[in-house]
Amino acid sequence: MEIMREKLVNLLGGLLFCAVLCGLGGLEDYIKTSYTREATVIDYYEDVCSAKDSTGNIWHFIGDGYEVGDKVKLYMNTNHTDSNILDDTITKVKMIKGE
């Protein structure tokens, strides 16, 4: 009975170790492929907003309640292509308050 318990503890410990490794790998990927960019809303039509960042790139996103001139923070994903900003995607948008 004691041997069975020891095997179960070892199995659960191994599963926990694997789960932690997978979690760390996912976190590393998120950190490497994510960044933020501040932009200003320059246009909107229905629920599609266009925002221009400080480098002149124009980004489009779906959102309600934005108006021309609003400052926004764009949460971006590189799509694993660090050398090509044109295929980056917006994962989240937040209004910058107080400006």
Protein backbone atom coordinates (compact mmCIF):
# COMPACT_ATOMS: atom_id res chain seq x y z
CA MET A 1 0.00 0.00 0.00
CA GLU A 2 2.88 2.37 0.81
CA ILE A 3 4.50 1.70 -2.60
CA MET A 4 1.25 2.61 -4.37
CA ARG A 5 1.04 5.89 -2.46
CA GLU A 6 4.66 6.74 -3.32
CA LYS A 7 4.01 6.08 -7.03
CA LEU A 8 0.92 8.30 -6.93
CA VAL A 9 2.84 11.13 -5.27
CA ASN A 10 5.62 10.82 -7.87
CA LEU A 11 3.09 10.82 -10.71
CA LEU A 12 1.30 13.91 -9.40
CA GLY A 13 4.64 15.66 -8.84
CA GLY A 14 5.67 14.90 -12.41
CA LEU A 15 2.37 16.19 -13.79
CA LEU A 16 2.71 19.38 -11.77
CA PHE A 17 6.27 19.87 -13.05
CA CYS A 18 5.10 19.45 -16.67
CA ALA A 19 2.24 21.92 -16.13
CA VAL A 20 4.64 24.52 -14.72
CA LEU A 21 7.02 24.09 -17.67
CA CYS A 22 4.19 24.50 -20.18
CA GLY A 23 2.94 27.59 -18.35
CA LEU A 24 6.39 29.17 -18.37
CA GLY A 25 6.76 28.43 -22.08
CA GLY A 26 3.44 30.15 -22.80
CA LEU A 27 4.40 33.15 -20.69
CA GLU A 28 7.72 33.49 -22.50
CA ASP A 29 5.94 33.41 -25.88
CA TYR A 30 3.48 36.10 -24.74
CA ILE A 31 6.30 38.36 -23.52
CA LYS A 32 8.32 37.94 -26.74
CA THR A 33 5.41 38.65 -29.09
CA SER A 34 3.47 41.37 -27.26
CA TYR A 35 3.95 45.11 -27.07
CA THR A 36 1.89 48.29 -26.70
CA ARG A 37 1.58 51.37 -28.85
CA GLU A 38 -0.13 54.69 -28.17
CA ALA A 39 -2.21 56.16 -30.95
CA THR A 40 -4.85 58.78 -31.69
CA VAL A 41 -8.21 57.96 -33.26
CA ILE A 42 -8.33 59.73 -36.62
CA ASP A 43 -11.52 58.30 -38.10
CA TYR A 44 -14.40 55.95 -37.43
CA TYR A 45 -17.22 54.49 -39.46
CA GLU A 46 -19.93 52.54 -37.68
CA ASP A 47 -17.85 50.33 -35.34
CA VAL A 48 -14.53 50.39 -37.25
CA CYS A 49 -12.02 52.86 -35.79
CA SER A 50 -8.77 54.03 -37.37
CA ALA A 51 -5.92 55.20 -35.15
CA LYS A 52 -2.55 56.70 -36.09
CA ASP A 53 0.53 56.04 -33.96
CA SER A 54 3.59 58.26 -33.49
CA THR A 55 5.45 56.58 -36.37
CA GLY A 56 2.65 57.26 -38.85
CA ASN A 57 1.23 53.75 -39.01
CA ILE A 58 -2.55 53.57 -39.19
CA TRP A 59 -4.26 50.74 -37.34
CA HIS A 60 -7.88 49.63 -37.57
CA PHE A 61 -9.93 48.03 -34.81
CA ILE A 62 -13.53 47.34 -33.91
CA GLY A 63 -14.86 49.40 -31.01
CA ASP A 64 -17.72 51.52 -29.73
CA GLY A 65 -17.61 54.89 -28.02
CA TYR A 66 -14.42 56.21 -29.63
CA GLU A 67 -14.28 59.66 -31.20
CA VAL A 68 -11.78 61.47 -33.38
CA GLY A 69 -8.97 62.79 -31.19
CA ASP A 70 -9.27 60.10 -28.48
CA LYS A 71 -5.93 58.77 -27.25
CA VAL A 72 -5.79 54.96 -27.09
CA LYS A 73 -3.32 52.29 -26.05
CA LEU A 74 -3.13 49.44 -28.55
CA TYR A 75 -2.05 46.04 -27.25
CA MET A 76 -0.27 44.38 -30.15
CA ASN A 77 0.93 40.92 -31.17
CA THR A 78 3.84 40.47 -33.59
CA ASN A 79 2.55 37.21 -35.10
CA HIS A 80 6.11 35.92 -34.65
CA THR A 81 7.44 38.21 -37.39
CA ASP A 82 9.62 40.76 -35.63
CA SER A 83 10.89 42.22 -38.90
CA ASN A 84 7.42 42.92 -40.37
CA ILE A 85 5.18 45.33 -38.47
CA LEU A 86 2.54 45.27 -41.21
CA ASP A 87 1.15 41.88 -40.16
CA ASP A 88 0.93 42.72 -36.44
CA THR A 89 -2.54 42.49 -34.93
CA ILE A 90 -4.33 44.44 -32.23
CA THR A 91 -5.42 42.17 -29.40
CA LYS A 92 -6.94 44.80 -27.12
CA VAL A 93 -7.62 48.55 -27.06
CA LYS A 94 -7.90 50.82 -24.01
CA MET A 95 -8.79 54.48 -23.86
CA ILE A 96 -6.07 56.62 -22.25
CA LYS A 97 -7.76 58.73 -19.60
CA GLY A 98 -6.78 62.20 -18.52
CA GLU A 99 -5.11 63.51 -21.65
